[in-house]
Amino acid sequence: PPPLHPFSRCMCIDALVTGSWDRTVRFWDPRAQQAEQSSHKVPERVYHMDLVNNVLVVAMASRLYHIYDIRKMDAPAQTRESSLKFMTRALACMVDGQGAFFSWFQGSRRSGAL
């Protein structure tokens, strides 16, 4: 199977959310008989993601990132291209879900409203 990279625990729906290089974001409930609850395709490999409340931010290859409302995963609420010069190395959502911080490998950081 492809490498599994980022994951987050979603307290609001009591699930584990994972992103992978196979270009999927998956929701898991390890207590259920069928652990994988849903799978959603994204356009690029998932490098980083973070989740706060119902907001999921997914940073992908090609400097893309998608912002989802996890209650409606059929399409991203927003699609953006990172203003960072190189690939995103770290991502963290603000506690209130109104923004996120991004950094790249040379140490530069940016923040932005969601």
Protein backbone atom coordinates (compact mmCIF):
# COMPACT_ATOMS: atom_id res chain seq x y z
CA PRO A 1 0.00 0.00 0.00
CA PRO A 2 1.08 3.64 -0.46
CA PRO A 3 2.74 5.41 2.45
CA LEU A 4 0.47 6.86 5.09
CA HIS A 5 1.50 10.30 6.25
CA PRO A 6 -0.62 12.76 8.17
CA PHE A 7 -3.46 11.90 10.49
CA SER A 8 -5.73 13.73 12.92
CA ARG A 9 -8.28 12.70 15.48
CA CYS A 10 -11.67 14.31 14.98
CA MET A 11 -13.32 14.72 18.37
CA CYS A 12 -16.59 16.03 16.89
CA ILE A 13 -17.35 12.74 15.11
CA ASP A 14 -14.99 10.52 17.15
CA ALA A 15 -12.99 9.34 14.14
CA LEU A 16 -9.44 9.20 12.84
CA VAL A 17 -8.73 11.09 9.61
CA THR A 18 -5.77 10.07 7.45
CA GLY A 19 -4.17 11.38 4.28
CA SER A 20 -2.02 9.37 1.90
CA TRP A 21 0.19 9.52 -1.16
CA ASP A 22 -2.47 7.51 -2.99
CA ARG A 23 -4.39 10.82 -3.16
CA THR A 24 -7.06 9.97 -0.62
CA VAL A 25 -8.36 11.33 2.66
CA ARG A 26 -10.02 8.61 4.72
CA PHE A 27 -12.17 8.58 7.83
CA TRP A 28 -11.79 5.65 10.25
CA ASP A 29 -13.63 4.33 13.30
CA PRO A 30 -11.48 1.56 14.79
CA ARG A 31 -14.37 0.42 17.00
CA ALA A 32 -16.61 -0.38 14.04
CA GLN A 33 -16.74 -3.75 12.29
CA GLN A 34 -15.80 -1.98 9.02
CA ALA A 35 -13.08 0.43 10.26
CA GLU A 36 -12.91 2.59 7.13
CA GLN A 37 -15.98 4.82 7.20
CA SER A 38 -15.37 6.84 4.03
CA SER A 39 -12.72 7.63 1.42
CA HIS A 40 -12.39 10.88 -0.55
CA LYS A 41 -10.16 11.52 -3.58
CA VAL A 42 -7.96 14.63 -3.68
CA PRO A 43 -6.03 15.88 -6.74
CA GLU A 44 -2.51 15.39 -5.34
CA ARG A 45 -0.50 13.45 -2.75
CA VAL A 46 -1.32 14.50 0.81
CA TYR A 47 1.71 15.87 2.68
CA HIS A 48 0.16 17.52 5.75
CA MET A 49 -3.23 18.18 7.24
CA ASP A 50 -4.82 19.56 10.36
CA LEU A 51 -8.32 19.55 11.74
CA VAL A 52 -10.13 21.83 14.17
CA ASN A 53 -13.85 21.70 14.88
CA ASN A 54 -15.36 20.80 11.48
CA VAL A 55 -12.60 22.43 9.38
CA LEU A 56 -10.04 20.15 7.69
CA VAL A 57 -7.08 21.74 5.88
CA VAL A 58 -5.17 19.42 3.52
CA ALA A 59 -1.76 20.48 2.12
CA MET A 60 -0.82 18.56 -1.00
CA ALA A 61 1.90 18.26 -3.62
CA SER A 62 2.14 21.07 -6.21
CA ARG A 63 1.63 23.64 -3.40
CA LEU A 64 -2.12 23.00 -3.40
CA TYR A 65 -4.31 22.98 -0.35
CA HIS A 66 -7.98 22.30 0.13
CA ILE A 67 -10.18 23.41 2.99
CA TYR A 68 -13.11 21.11 3.80
CA ASP A 69 -16.11 21.18 6.06
CA ILE A 70 -15.97 17.55 7.22
CA ARG A 71 -19.77 17.40 7.27
CA LYS A 72 -19.72 17.90 3.46
CA MET A 73 -16.68 16.10 2.07
CA ASP A 74 -18.06 15.78 -1.48
CA ALA A 75 -16.20 18.96 -2.53
CA PRO A 76 -13.75 21.35 -0.85
CA ALA A 77 -15.21 24.53 0.62
CA GLN A 78 -12.10 26.33 -0.70
CA THR A 79 -9.24 25.44 -3.04
CA ARG A 80 -6.03 27.46 -2.89
CA GLU A 81 -2.46 27.46 -4.10
CA SER A 82 0.12 28.15 -1.43
CA SER A 83 1.91 31.50 -1.61
CA LEU A 84 5.02 29.78 -0.25
CA LYS A 85 7.82 29.36 -2.76
CA PHE A 86 8.38 25.66 -2.02
CA MET A 87 6.45 22.67 -0.73
CA THR A 88 4.65 23.06 2.60
CA ARG A 89 6.54 21.32 5.43
CA ALA A 90 4.21 22.07 8.34
CA LEU A 91 0.61 23.08 8.78
CA ALA A 92 -1.43 23.99 11.86
CA CYS A 93 -4.96 25.32 12.15
CA MET A 94 -5.75 28.10 14.58
CA VAL A 95 -7.71 26.90 17.60
CA ASP A 96 -10.81 28.86 16.60
CA GLY A 97 -10.78 27.41 13.05
CA GLN A 98 -10.58 30.87 11.45
CA GLY A 99 -7.07 30.53 9.99
CA ALA A 100 -3.99 28.37 9.56
CA PHE A 101 -0.19 28.65 9.67
CA PHE A 102 2.04 27.18 6.95
CA SER A 103 5.82 26.83 6.79
CA TRP A 104 8.27 25.53 4.23
CA PHE A 105 11.66 23.89 4.49
CA GLN A 106 13.74 27.08 4.58
CA GLY A 107 11.95 28.24 7.71
CA SER A 108 9.65 30.86 6.23
CA ARG A 109 6.15 31.01 7.74
CA ARG A 110 2.84 32.41 6.54
CA SER A 111 -0.57 32.61 8.10
CA GLY A 112 -3.89 33.04 6.39
CA ALA A 113 -7.57 33.27 7.10
CA LEU A 114 -9.72 30.31 6.17
